[in-house]
Amino acid sequence: MTATFLAYSVASRAMEASQASINIVGNNISNINTEGYTRQRVDIVSMTTSGMVEKYATPKVSTGIGAKAKGTTQLRDPYIDARYRTQNAENSRYETMVKGLTNLEDVFDEASNEALQGELSGFINNLQSLLQSPSSSDIAQVARSAAEKVTQMINMYGTQLDETRVEQTENLDVTVNSEFNTYVKNIAALNKQIQKEEIYGNTPNELYDHRNLLIDKLSGLTNVKVSMSPTDQISENLSIPHYRITIENPAGGDPITVVDNDKYAEMSLDSKTDPLNVQLSIIDTNGEKRTDANKLINDGKLKGYLDIINGKGSFADLALKENDAKGIYYYKEKIDIFAKQFATEFNKINSEVAGSDGVIGSDGEKNLFTDSSGSTTTNITARNLQVSTAWLNNPSYINTTKYPTLDPAPSGYVATPALGDNVLRMIQKMSDKIDFIDSDGNTILTGTFNEYMTSEVAEVGTAVELNTNFSKTAKNVFQTISDARDSVAGVSLNEEGVNLSAFQKVYNAAMRYFNVLDENLDNIINKMGV
């Protein structure tokens, strides 16, 4: 027969377990709006009288000795957590891409394109006026001023692209130093605190929540993998998880360990060596400098910035594993090609005139457009394109005919100063189909100058639309996974209300059990044998 007073212990434990469950429900409800909080539950286990085999004991009815609140557990699903963080990285990457491309779209908007086309049309109109009066220095000066306005509009594109690149690089620098480095440092510090608590047998759920929240934020920056094995053996009977966070190598090589228990990595940004190809490097938890971070980071906010800043699109050398996303580098290269081609075509026409010996081109180049030096054309970009110093000093430097007046005139040479045939060729060139060629000699587009710029604007707009659609899809998937995680780890008022009612009933039943025991004991002591 079970000891009489043992039943009181069973009732007491039942009340304690129910009270602990009620307290946890209250804690869940109070933290319903706490960022990163994970719903908790009380782990209740059944208790037994003995675990040994009583070979010679008299058989008896085993009624158990009640239940005990062993501890508290967070309700999390590791699989959903992993999916959440993977999708968070993808979602953040597309959001960053959309923001960056929208800034580029502001540079290549229809208004600025129409403004450039307006200046090109104004240049053509002034060339037509010069065609009517080829010998007029006043009209030649007006035509030169129109050419300056065209170069200034092209300069604006180059300048704004550089400003956008600087802005994106600054944003990346903030992400590296104020977010990534801060997160891994704080996670490592939390790991140290958590390990101490676990060694002493505690379950620091609040610290777990804080760490998981930081890991969620870190997953928005790059592709990270969290592992908790192998365990660290503290003593013969105690082992605790070894917490490690890595950036995996997609090629199958060594990953970059950014958190290893209480050790953490540090990321740095180099944007000075090559502003158009910023490089990330990481000193990992072993103190080794990893310069292959750009190749390993393939998702998240960091990847979005790298694609926007370093993306070379079709100009990327895939053999060197250069970034082939269409970013600032790609669009800057395309506007530079426009500037170079514009200068090349007009310089060629202006140089193909009779020299002092009457032979076409014998006097060499007579450039109307140059780089910032004012005389050379080797380094022309959208930002430094300008009217040549020679044309600035002499408005009549523009050759209106292939056969200008020469003094002395070579034998048999016939000058045509009033013909204006060279001006006509310049006007015609504005509507001719031109092969736009990159630095490797590849034709990237065949069309007029207006068609080239229109296609450029359309390409940026298409990229924004495409990445916006990708972002919406990624966001919807992320929200679905987030809802699934909330259904497990989040606090539901309805569910907690039901639990509170159930635990209250259990508590009341335990109290009633006490009353029954008390009545039985009173009968035994005061009424039996009377």
Protein backbone atom coordinates (compact mmCIF):
# COMPACT_ATOMS: atom_id res chain seq x y z
CA MET A 1 0.00 0.00 0.00
CA THR A 2 1.29 3.43 -0.91
CA ALA A 3 2.17 5.66 2.01
CA THR A 4 -0.69 7.94 2.99
CA PHE A 5 1.24 11.15 2.98
CA LEU A 6 2.83 10.34 -0.43
CA ALA A 7 -0.50 11.31 -1.98
CA TYR A 8 -0.04 14.82 -0.62
CA SER A 9 3.28 15.02 -2.49
CA VAL A 10 1.51 13.94 -5.69
CA ALA A 11 -1.09 16.69 -5.23
CA SER A 12 1.60 19.25 -4.37
CA ARG A 13 3.62 18.41 -7.48
CA ALA A 14 0.48 18.63 -9.60
CA MET A 15 -0.17 22.13 -8.30
CA GLU A 16 3.45 23.14 -8.83
CA ALA A 17 3.47 21.85 -12.42
CA SER A 18 0.16 23.57 -13.18
CA GLN A 19 1.35 26.81 -11.59
CA ALA A 20 4.55 26.69 -13.65
CA SER A 21 2.48 26.17 -16.81
CA ILE A 22 0.23 29.10 -15.88
CA ASN A 23 3.31 31.28 -15.29
CA ILE A 24 4.74 30.34 -18.70
CA VAL A 25 1.41 31.20 -20.38
CA GLY A 26 1.54 34.58 -18.66
CA ASN A 27 5.12 35.08 -19.82
CA ASN A 28 4.15 34.17 -23.40
CA ILE A 29 1.24 36.62 -23.38
CA SER A 30 3.32 39.44 -21.92
CA ASN A 31 5.94 38.97 -24.67
CA ILE A 32 3.52 38.74 -27.59
CA ASN A 33 4.95 41.96 -29.08
CA THR A 34 8.57 41.36 -28.08
CA GLU A 35 10.80 41.16 -31.16
CA GLY A 36 12.43 37.76 -31.51
CA TYR A 37 10.55 36.15 -28.62
CA THR A 38 9.97 32.41 -28.91
CA ARG A 39 6.93 30.75 -27.35
CA GLN A 40 7.83 28.56 -24.39
CA ARG A 41 6.26 25.57 -22.69
CA VAL A 42 6.85 23.70 -19.45
CA ASP A 43 8.35 20.23 -19.80
CA ILE A 44 6.34 17.99 -17.45
CA VAL A 45 7.52 14.44 -16.82
CA SER A 46 5.98 11.55 -14.93
CA MET A 47 7.78 10.44 -11.78
CA THR A 48 8.40 6.83 -10.66
CA THR A 49 9.09 5.22 -7.32
CA SER A 50 12.09 3.19 -8.44
CA GLY A 51 14.03 2.25 -11.46
CA MET A 52 15.38 -1.00 -10.03
CA VAL A 53 13.97 -4.50 -10.44
CA GLU A 54 12.53 -5.68 -7.14
CA LYS A 55 12.93 -9.42 -7.65
CA TYR A 56 11.69 -10.61 -4.27
CA ALA A 57 9.25 -7.80 -3.52
CA THR A 58 5.60 -8.53 -2.96
CA PRO A 59 3.61 -7.58 -6.08
CA LYS A 60 1.52 -4.47 -5.55
CA VAL A 61 -0.39 -1.88 -7.51
CA SER A 62 1.97 0.87 -8.73
CA THR A 63 0.10 4.18 -8.76
CA GLY A 64 3.03 6.47 -9.59
CA ILE A 65 4.08 9.50 -7.60
CA GLY A 66 2.79 12.27 -9.85
CA ALA A 67 4.40 14.67 -12.27
CA LYS A 68 7.21 17.18 -12.12
CA ALA A 69 8.01 20.38 -14.02
CA LYS A 70 11.46 19.52 -15.34
CA GLY A 71 12.20 22.76 -17.22
CA THR A 72 11.10 25.06 -20.02
CA THR A 73 11.54 24.55 -23.74
CA GLN A 74 11.36 26.93 -26.68
CA LEU A 75 9.05 25.84 -29.48
CA ARG A 76 11.23 26.16 -32.58
CA ASP A 77 11.62 24.11 -35.75
CA PRO A 78 15.28 24.01 -36.94
CA TYR A 79 14.19 23.13 -40.48
CA ILE A 80 11.87 26.14 -40.73
CA ASP A 81 14.57 28.36 -39.18
CA ALA A 82 17.03 27.27 -41.88
CA ARG A 83 14.48 27.94 -44.63
CA TYR A 84 13.60 31.29 -43.09
CA ARG A 85 17.22 32.44 -43.08
CA THR A 86 17.90 31.22 -46.61
CA GLN A 87 14.83 33.01 -47.93
CA ASN A 88 15.63 36.10 -45.88
CA ALA A 89 18.98 36.33 -47.68
CA GLU A 90 17.32 36.07 -51.09
CA ASN A 91 14.64 38.59 -50.20
CA SER A 92 17.21 41.11 -48.90
CA ARG A 93 19.35 40.69 -52.03
CA TYR A 94 16.49 41.55 -54.37
CA GLU A 95 15.36 44.47 -52.20
CA THR A 96 18.89 45.89 -52.34
CA MET A 97 19.08 45.34 -56.11
CA VAL A 98 15.75 47.10 -56.68
CA LYS A 99 16.85 50.12 -54.63
CA GLY A 100 20.18 50.34 -56.47
CA LEU A 101 18.66 49.90 -59.91
CA THR A 102 15.99 52.48 -59.10
CA ASN A 103 18.80 54.95 -58.43
CA LEU A 104 20.26 54.06 -61.83
CA GLU A 105 16.84 54.49 -63.40
CA ASP A 106 16.76 58.02 -61.97
CA VAL A 107 20.00 58.69 -63.88
CA PHE A 108 18.69 57.19 -67.13
CA ASP A 109 15.14 58.50 -66.85
CA GLU A 110 13.10 59.55 -69.87
CA ALA A 111 13.40 63.23 -68.96
CA SER A 112 17.20 63.22 -69.10
CA ASN A 113 17.12 61.10 -72.26
CA GLU A 114 14.78 63.59 -73.90
CA ALA A 115 17.05 66.41 -72.72
CA LEU A 116 20.06 64.74 -74.37
CA GLN A 117 18.09 64.09 -77.54
CA GLY A 118 16.98 67.71 -77.41
CA GLU A 119 20.60 68.88 -77.27
CA LEU A 120 21.52 66.55 -80.12
CA SER A 121 18.64 67.94 -82.17
CA GLY A 122 19.80 71.48 -81.34
CA PHE A 123 23.30 70.54 -82.50
CA ILE A 124 21.87 69.21 -85.78
CA ASN A 125 19.81 72.37 -86.30
CA ASN A 126 22.88 74.54 -85.83
CA LEU A 127 24.84 72.34 -88.23
CA GLN A 128 22.06 72.85 -90.78
CA SER A 129 22.40 76.61 -90.31
CA LEU A 130 26.15 76.24 -90.83
CA LEU A 131 25.40 74.22 -93.98
CA GLN A 132 23.57 77.23 -95.37
CA SER A 133 26.45 79.62 -94.52
CA PRO A 134 29.64 77.52 -94.33
CA SER A 135 31.94 80.53 -94.17
CA SER A 136 30.12 82.28 -91.29
CA SER A 137 32.28 82.29 -88.14
CA ASP A 138 29.30 83.48 -86.06
CA ILE A 139 27.20 80.46 -86.99
CA ALA A 140 30.25 78.22 -86.48
CA GLN A 141 30.53 79.63 -82.95
CA VAL A 142 26.84 78.88 -82.29
CA ALA A 143 27.37 75.31 -83.56
CA ARG A 144 30.33 74.91 -81.22
CA SER A 145 28.22 76.11 -78.27
CA ALA A 146 25.57 73.53 -79.19
CA ALA A 147 28.30 70.86 -79.23
CA GLU A 148 29.39 71.96 -75.74
CA LYS A 149 25.84 71.49 -74.45
CA VAL A 150 25.81 67.96 -75.86
CA THR A 151 29.07 67.12 -74.07
CA GLN A 152 27.75 68.63 -70.84
CA MET A 153 24.66 66.42 -70.99
CA ILE A 154 26.84 63.35 -71.54
CA ASN A 155 29.10 64.51 -68.69
CA MET A 156 26.02 64.63 -66.47
CA TYR A 157 25.40 60.91 -67.05
CA GLY A 158 28.98 60.05 -66.17
CA THR A 159 28.98 62.26 -63.08
CA GLN A 160 25.67 60.92 -61.76
CA LEU A 161 26.77 57.32 -62.31
CA ASP A 162 29.93 58.00 -60.30
CA GLU A 163 27.85 59.65 -57.55
CA THR A 164 25.53 56.64 -57.48
CA ARG A 165 28.52 54.32 -57.22
CA VAL A 166 29.96 56.34 -54.31
CA GLU A 167 26.56 56.30 -52.55
CA GLN A 168 26.18 52.53 -52.97
CA THR A 169 29.76 51.99 -51.78
CA GLU A 170 29.06 54.06 -48.67
CA ASN A 171 25.93 52.00 -48.02
CA LEU A 172 27.98 48.84 -48.37
CA ASP A 173 30.56 50.19 -45.94
CA VAL A 174 27.83 50.88 -43.37
CA THR A 175 26.44 47.36 -43.89
CA VAL A 176 29.88 45.83 -43.35
CA ASN A 177 30.92 47.80 -40.28
CA SER A 178 27.68 48.75 -38.54
CA GLU A 179 25.75 45.58 -39.27
CA PHE A 180 27.86 42.51 -40.16
CA ASN A 181 30.76 43.14 -37.79
CA THR A 182 28.42 44.22 -35.00
CA TYR A 183 26.17 41.17 -35.38
CA VAL A 184 28.96 38.56 -35.33
CA LYS A 185 30.63 40.26 -32.37
CA ASN A 186 27.40 40.31 -30.36
CA ILE A 187 26.55 36.72 -31.29
CA ALA A 188 29.97 35.58 -30.07
CA ALA A 189 29.46 37.48 -26.79
CA LEU A 190 26.05 35.82 -26.35
CA ASN A 191 27.59 32.42 -27.02
CA LYS A 192 29.99 32.99 -24.15
CA GLN A 193 27.15 33.95 -21.79
CA ILE A 194 24.99 31.04 -22.91
CA GLN A 195 27.78 28.51 -22.44
CA LYS A 196 28.31 29.67 -18.85
CA GLU A 197 24.60 29.30 -18.14
CA GLU A 198 24.48 25.84 -19.73
CA ILE A 199 27.50 24.65 -17.75
CA TYR A 200 25.63 25.56 -14.56
CA GLY A 201 22.60 23.62 -15.78
CA ASN A 202 20.44 26.65 -16.62
CA THR A 203 18.27 27.13 -19.70
CA PRO A 204 18.76 30.77 -20.78
CA ASN A 205 15.78 31.04 -23.13
CA GLU A 206 15.95 34.84 -23.28
CA LEU A 207 19.60 34.69 -24.38
CA TYR A 208 18.64 32.09 -26.99
CA ASP A 209 16.01 34.51 -28.31
CA HIS A 210 18.49 37.37 -28.50
CA ARG A 211 21.00 35.21 -30.34
CA ASN A 212 18.42 33.87 -32.79
CA LEU A 213 17.24 37.41 -33.52
CA LEU A 214 20.80 38.49 -34.34
CA ILE A 215 21.30 35.43 -36.55
CA ASP A 216 18.08 36.28 -38.40
CA LYS A 217 19.42 39.78 -39.02
CA LEU A 218 22.81 38.37 -40.06
CA SER A 219 21.07 36.04 -42.54
CA GLY A 220 19.66 39.11 -44.27
CA LEU A 221 23.22 40.23 -45.04
CA THR A 222 24.68 37.07 -46.54
CA ASN A 223 24.29 33.32 -46.92
CA VAL A 224 25.08 31.82 -43.53
CA LYS A 225 24.93 28.30 -42.15
CA VAL A 226 24.42 27.60 -38.44
CA SER A 227 25.71 24.38 -36.87
CA MET A 228 25.84 23.13 -33.29
CA SER A 229 28.00 20.05 -33.63
CA PRO A 230 30.21 18.47 -32.59
CA THR A 231 29.47 19.14 -28.94
CA ASP A 232 32.07 20.39 -26.47
CA GLN A 233 32.74 17.87 -23.69
CA ILE A 234 32.91 19.88 -20.47
CA SER A 235 33.11 16.92 -18.12
CA GLU A 236 32.41 13.20 -18.10
CA ASN A 237 28.69 13.82 -17.69
CA LEU A 238 28.30 17.21 -19.33
CA SER A 239 28.56 18.33 -22.94
CA ILE A 240 27.23 21.51 -24.55
CA PRO A 241 26.70 22.46 -28.22
CA HIS A 242 29.61 23.97 -30.16
CA TYR A 243 28.05 26.95 -31.92
CA ARG A 244 29.47 27.82 -35.33
CA ILE A 245 28.29 30.13 -38.13
CA THR A 246 29.91 29.90 -41.57
CA ILE A 247 29.66 31.36 -45.05
CA GLU A 248 29.72 28.24 -47.18
CA ASN A 249 31.86 27.92 -50.29
CA PRO A 250 29.57 27.26 -53.31
CA ALA A 251 32.51 25.65 -55.13
CA GLY A 252 32.93 23.12 -52.33
CA GLY A 253 36.09 24.62 -50.85
CA ASP A 254 36.76 25.81 -47.33
CA PRO A 255 33.97 27.93 -45.84
CA ILE A 256 34.62 31.16 -43.97
CA THR A 257 33.91 30.76 -40.25
CA VAL A 258 32.48 34.03 -38.95
CA VAL A 259 31.45 32.82 -35.47
CA ASP A 260 33.04 29.95 -33.53
CA ASN A 261 31.61 29.86 -30.01
CA ASP A 262 32.98 33.08 -28.46
CA LYS A 263 35.33 33.90 -31.36
CA TYR A 264 34.19 36.09 -34.26
CA ALA A 265 35.43 37.26 -37.65
CA GLU A 266 35.88 40.81 -38.95
CA MET A 267 34.98 41.98 -42.44
CA SER A 268 36.61 44.93 -44.21
CA LEU A 269 35.97 46.78 -47.46
CA ASP A 270 38.51 47.95 -50.03
CA SER A 271 37.03 50.52 -52.39
CA LYS A 272 40.19 52.51 -53.05
CA THR A 273 42.30 50.05 -55.03
CA ASP A 274 39.63 49.86 -57.75
CA PRO A 275 36.46 51.93 -57.08
CA LEU A 276 34.63 50.06 -59.85
CA ASN A 277 35.45 46.67 -58.32
CA VAL A 278 35.18 46.83 -54.53
CA GLN A 279 36.58 43.88 -52.62
CA LEU A 280 35.46 42.39 -49.33
CA SER A 281 37.89 40.49 -47.14
CA ILE A 282 37.35 38.66 -43.86
CA ILE A 283 39.73 37.81 -41.06
CA ASP A 284 38.11 34.58 -39.89
CA THR A 285 37.90 33.16 -36.37
CA ASN A 286 41.34 31.56 -36.79
CA GLY A 287 42.96 34.88 -37.69
CA GLU A 288 43.35 33.94 -41.36
CA LYS A 289 42.64 36.66 -43.92
CA ARG A 290 40.19 35.44 -46.56
CA THR A 291 40.32 37.52 -49.74
CA ASP A 292 37.80 35.30 -51.53
CA ALA A 293 34.79 36.75 -49.70
CA ASN A 294 33.32 38.23 -52.91
CA LYS A 295 33.15 34.75 -54.42
CA LEU A 296 31.64 33.07 -51.35
CA ILE A 297 29.00 35.73 -50.67
CA ASN A 298 26.24 34.71 -53.09
CA ASP A 299 23.13 36.05 -51.38
CA GLY A 300 21.83 38.68 -49.02
CA LYS A 301 22.21 42.43 -48.79
CA LEU A 302 25.99 42.24 -49.28
CA LYS A 303 25.53 40.34 -52.55
CA GLY A 304 23.01 42.94 -53.72
CA TYR A 305 25.49 45.76 -53.17
CA LEU A 306 28.32 43.82 -54.82
CA ASP A 307 26.13 43.19 -57.88
CA ILE A 308 25.13 46.86 -58.11
CA ILE A 309 28.67 48.20 -57.70
CA ASN A 310 30.78 45.53 -59.41
CA GLY A 311 28.31 44.08 -61.90
CA LYS A 312 29.90 44.13 -65.38
CA GLY A 313 27.12 42.35 -67.24
CA SER A 314 28.19 41.29 -70.73
CA PHE A 315 31.56 43.02 -70.19
CA ALA A 316 32.53 40.56 -67.45
CA ASP A 317 35.35 38.08 -68.09
CA LEU A 318 33.77 34.84 -66.98
CA ALA A 319 37.12 33.07 -67.15
CA LEU A 320 38.27 35.37 -64.34
CA LYS A 321 34.92 34.83 -62.56
CA GLU A 322 34.06 38.53 -62.73
CA ASN A 323 30.63 39.64 -61.58
CA ASP A 324 28.24 39.32 -64.54
CA ALA A 325 25.27 41.13 -62.98
CA LYS A 326 24.20 44.34 -64.71
CA GLY A 327 25.35 46.99 -62.27
CA ILE A 328 26.87 50.44 -62.29
CA TYR A 329 30.03 49.25 -64.05
CA TYR A 330 27.95 47.83 -66.90
CA TYR A 331 25.85 50.95 -67.46
CA LYS A 332 28.85 53.25 -67.05
CA GLU A 333 30.72 51.26 -69.68
CA LYS A 334 27.78 51.59 -72.05
CA ILE A 335 27.52 55.37 -71.65
CA ASP A 336 31.31 55.61 -72.06
CA ILE A 337 31.00 53.67 -75.34
CA PHE A 338 28.38 56.19 -76.48
CA ALA A 339 30.70 59.09 -75.65
CA LYS A 340 33.69 57.48 -77.40
CA GLN A 341 31.65 56.60 -80.49
CA PHE A 342 30.18 60.09 -80.70
CA ALA A 343 33.62 61.67 -80.54
CA THR A 344 35.14 59.12 -82.94
CA GLU A 345 32.54 59.64 -85.67
CA PHE A 346 32.70 63.46 -85.66
CA ASN A 347 36.48 63.57 -85.27
CA LYS A 348 36.82 61.24 -88.24
CA ILE A 349 34.65 63.42 -90.47
CA ASN A 350 36.45 66.60 -89.40
CA SER A 351 39.87 64.98 -90.03
CA GLU A 352 39.03 63.60 -93.50
CA VAL A 353 39.84 66.85 -95.30
CA ALA A 354 42.54 67.87 -97.75
CA GLY A 355 45.85 68.75 -96.13
CA SER A 356 48.33 71.34 -97.30
CA ASP A 357 49.38 69.00 -100.09
CA GLY A 358 45.81 68.51 -101.26
CA VAL A 359 45.67 64.89 -100.04
CA ILE A 360 42.74 63.85 -97.81
CA GLY A 361 43.88 63.39 -94.20
CA SER A 362 47.50 64.25 -94.80
CA ASP A 363 47.53 66.85 -92.01
CA GLY A 364 46.57 64.22 -89.41
CA GLU A 365 43.79 64.34 -86.85
CA LYS A 366 41.70 67.45 -86.40
CA ASN A 367 39.62 66.46 -83.43
CA LEU A 368 36.47 68.30 -82.47
CA PHE A 369 36.01 66.27 -79.26
CA THR A 370 38.65 65.07 -76.79
CA ASP A 371 39.07 63.90 -73.21
CA SER A 372 39.79 66.32 -70.36
CA SER A 373 43.28 67.03 -71.74
CA GLY A 374 41.71 69.00 -74.57
CA SER A 375 43.92 67.38 -77.18
CA THR A 376 43.90 63.56 -76.90
CA THR A 377 41.14 61.00 -77.43
CA THR A 378 42.67 57.88 -75.89
CA ASN A 379 40.87 58.14 -72.53
CA ILE A 380 37.49 59.53 -73.47
CA THR A 381 34.68 58.71 -71.03
CA ALA A 382 31.21 60.10 -70.54
CA ARG A 383 32.47 62.14 -67.64
CA ASN A 384 35.48 63.78 -69.33
CA LEU A 385 34.21 64.25 -72.90
CA GLN A 386 34.64 67.86 -74.00
CA VAL A 387 35.02 70.11 -77.02
CA SER A 388 38.68 70.18 -78.06
CA THR A 389 40.90 73.09 -77.07
CA ALA A 390 41.57 73.78 -80.76
CA TRP A 391 37.83 74.18 -81.48
CA LEU A 392 37.33 76.28 -78.34
CA ASN A 393 40.07 78.65 -79.48
CA ASN A 394 38.85 78.80 -83.08
CA PRO A 395 35.12 78.34 -83.86
CA SER A 396 36.04 77.82 -87.53
CA TYR A 397 38.16 74.78 -86.61
CA ILE A 398 35.20 72.70 -87.75
CA ASN A 399 35.82 71.82 -91.39
CA THR A 400 32.74 72.55 -93.46
CA THR A 401 34.12 70.93 -96.63
CA LYS A 402 36.59 68.20 -97.60
CA TYR A 403 38.36 70.64 -99.90
CA PRO A 404 38.98 73.89 -98.04
CA THR A 405 40.87 76.86 -99.51
CA LEU A 406 44.61 76.20 -99.45
CA ASP A 407 47.32 78.81 -99.78
CA PRO A 408 49.29 78.03 -101.81
CA ALA A 409 46.96 75.65 -103.63
CA PRO A 410 48.59 72.46 -105.01
CA SER A 411 48.54 71.96 -108.74
CA GLY A 412 45.12 70.86 -109.97
CA TYR A 413 43.52 71.34 -106.55
CA VAL A 414 39.94 72.66 -106.60
CA ALA A 415 38.66 74.19 -103.34
CA THR A 416 34.93 74.09 -102.46
CA PRO A 417 34.63 76.47 -99.46
CA ALA A 418 30.96 77.22 -100.12
CA LEU A 419 29.86 73.61 -100.61
CA GLY A 420 29.42 72.60 -96.93
CA ASP A 421 29.67 68.90 -97.85
CA ASN A 422 31.49 67.99 -94.61
CA VAL A 423 28.75 69.58 -92.52
CA LEU A 424 26.21 67.57 -94.49
CA ARG A 425 28.13 64.37 -93.64
CA MET A 426 27.99 65.30 -89.94
CA ILE A 427 24.25 65.86 -90.14
CA GLN A 428 23.79 62.56 -91.96
CA LYS A 429 25.90 60.77 -89.36
CA MET A 430 23.33 61.61 -86.68
CA SER A 431 20.74 59.47 -88.48
CA ASP A 432 23.10 56.75 -89.76
CA LYS A 433 23.19 53.25 -88.30
CA ILE A 434 26.47 52.98 -86.39
CA ASP A 435 28.25 49.97 -84.91
CA PHE A 436 28.85 50.77 -81.24
CA ILE A 437 32.01 48.88 -80.30
CA ASP A 438 33.36 48.01 -76.85
CA SER A 439 37.01 48.02 -75.76
CA ASP A 440 37.46 44.44 -76.99
CA GLY A 441 36.27 45.32 -80.50
CA ASN A 442 32.86 43.66 -80.08
CA THR A 443 29.78 45.31 -81.55
CA ILE A 444 27.22 45.67 -78.76
CA LEU A 445 24.54 47.48 -80.78
CA THR A 446 23.96 48.81 -84.27
CA GLY A 447 21.75 51.89 -84.47
CA THR A 448 21.61 55.66 -84.38
CA PHE A 449 22.77 57.74 -81.45
CA ASN A 450 19.16 58.33 -80.39
CA GLU A 451 18.35 54.62 -80.69
CA TYR A 452 21.36 53.74 -78.54
CA MET A 453 20.32 56.03 -75.70
CA THR A 454 16.68 54.96 -75.95
CA SER A 455 17.74 51.32 -75.66
CA GLU A 456 19.90 52.22 -72.67
CA VAL A 457 16.95 53.80 -70.85
CA ALA A 458 14.71 50.86 -71.76
CA GLU A 459 17.30 48.36 -70.52
CA VAL A 460 17.53 49.99 -67.10
CA GLY A 461 13.74 50.12 -66.86
CA THR A 462 13.48 46.44 -67.78
CA ALA A 463 16.09 45.53 -65.16
CA VAL A 464 14.13 47.42 -62.49
CA GLU A 465 10.88 45.74 -63.49
CA LEU A 466 12.47 42.28 -63.60
CA ASN A 467 14.13 42.58 -60.20
CA THR A 468 10.97 44.12 -58.73
CA ASN A 469 9.05 41.01 -59.83
CA PHE A 470 11.77 38.78 -58.37
CA SER A 471 11.61 40.80 -55.14
CA LYS A 472 7.83 40.43 -54.90
CA THR A 473 8.07 36.67 -55.42
CA ALA A 474 10.88 36.33 -52.87
CA LYS A 475 8.94 38.46 -50.40
CA ASN A 476 5.79 36.34 -50.80
CA VAL A 477 7.76 33.12 -50.25
CA PHE A 478 9.53 34.72 -47.26
CA GLN A 479 6.19 35.76 -45.77
CA THR A 480 4.83 32.24 -46.20
CA ILE A 481 7.83 30.77 -44.38
CA SER A 482 7.62 33.49 -41.75
CA ASP A 483 3.96 32.65 -41.12
CA ALA A 484 4.87 28.96 -40.83
CA ARG A 485 7.56 29.81 -38.29
CA ASP A 486 5.19 32.05 -36.34
CA SER A 487 2.67 29.21 -36.20
CA VAL A 488 5.30 27.21 -34.29
CA ALA A 489 7.35 29.80 -32.41
CA GLY A 490 4.99 32.78 -32.28
CA VAL A 491 2.55 33.58 -29.50
CA SER A 492 -1.16 33.20 -30.30
CA LEU A 493 -3.57 34.87 -27.88
CA ASN A 494 -6.30 32.38 -28.73
CA GLU A 495 -4.07 29.38 -28.13
CA GLU A 496 -2.61 30.82 -24.93
CA GLY A 497 -6.11 31.60 -23.71
CA VAL A 498 -7.13 27.98 -24.22
CA ASN A 499 -3.96 26.79 -22.48
CA LEU A 500 -4.54 29.15 -19.57
CA SER A 501 -8.05 27.78 -19.11
CA ALA A 502 -6.82 24.17 -19.30
CA PHE A 503 -3.99 24.68 -16.80
CA GLN A 504 -6.33 26.50 -14.46
CA LYS A 505 -8.68 23.51 -14.51
CA VAL A 506 -5.77 21.18 -13.76
CA TYR A 507 -4.73 23.42 -10.87
CA ASN A 508 -8.28 23.45 -9.49
CA ALA A 509 -8.46 19.67 -9.85
CA ALA A 510 -5.22 19.33 -7.91
CA MET A 511 -6.70 21.53 -5.18
CA ARG A 512 -9.80 19.34 -5.13
CA TYR A 513 -7.49 16.32 -4.84
CA PHE A 514 -5.96 17.92 -1.75
CA ASN A 515 -9.41 18.39 -0.25
CA VAL A 516 -10.30 14.75 -0.90
CA LEU A 517 -7.08 13.59 0.75
CA ASP A 518 -7.77 15.86 3.69
CA GLU A 519 -11.27 14.47 4.10
CA ASN A 520 -9.98 10.89 3.88
CA LEU A 521 -7.29 11.53 6.46
CA ASP A 522 -9.82 13.20 8.77
CA ASN A 523 -12.04 10.13 8.51
CA ILE A 524 -9.12 7.80 9.27
CA ILE A 525 -7.95 9.76 12.29
CA ASN A 526 -11.19 10.95 13.80
CA LYS A 527 -13.89 8.50 12.73
CA MET A 528 -12.39 5.07 12.23
CA GLY A 529 -12.99 2.75 15.17
CA VAL A 530 -15.39 5.13 16.89
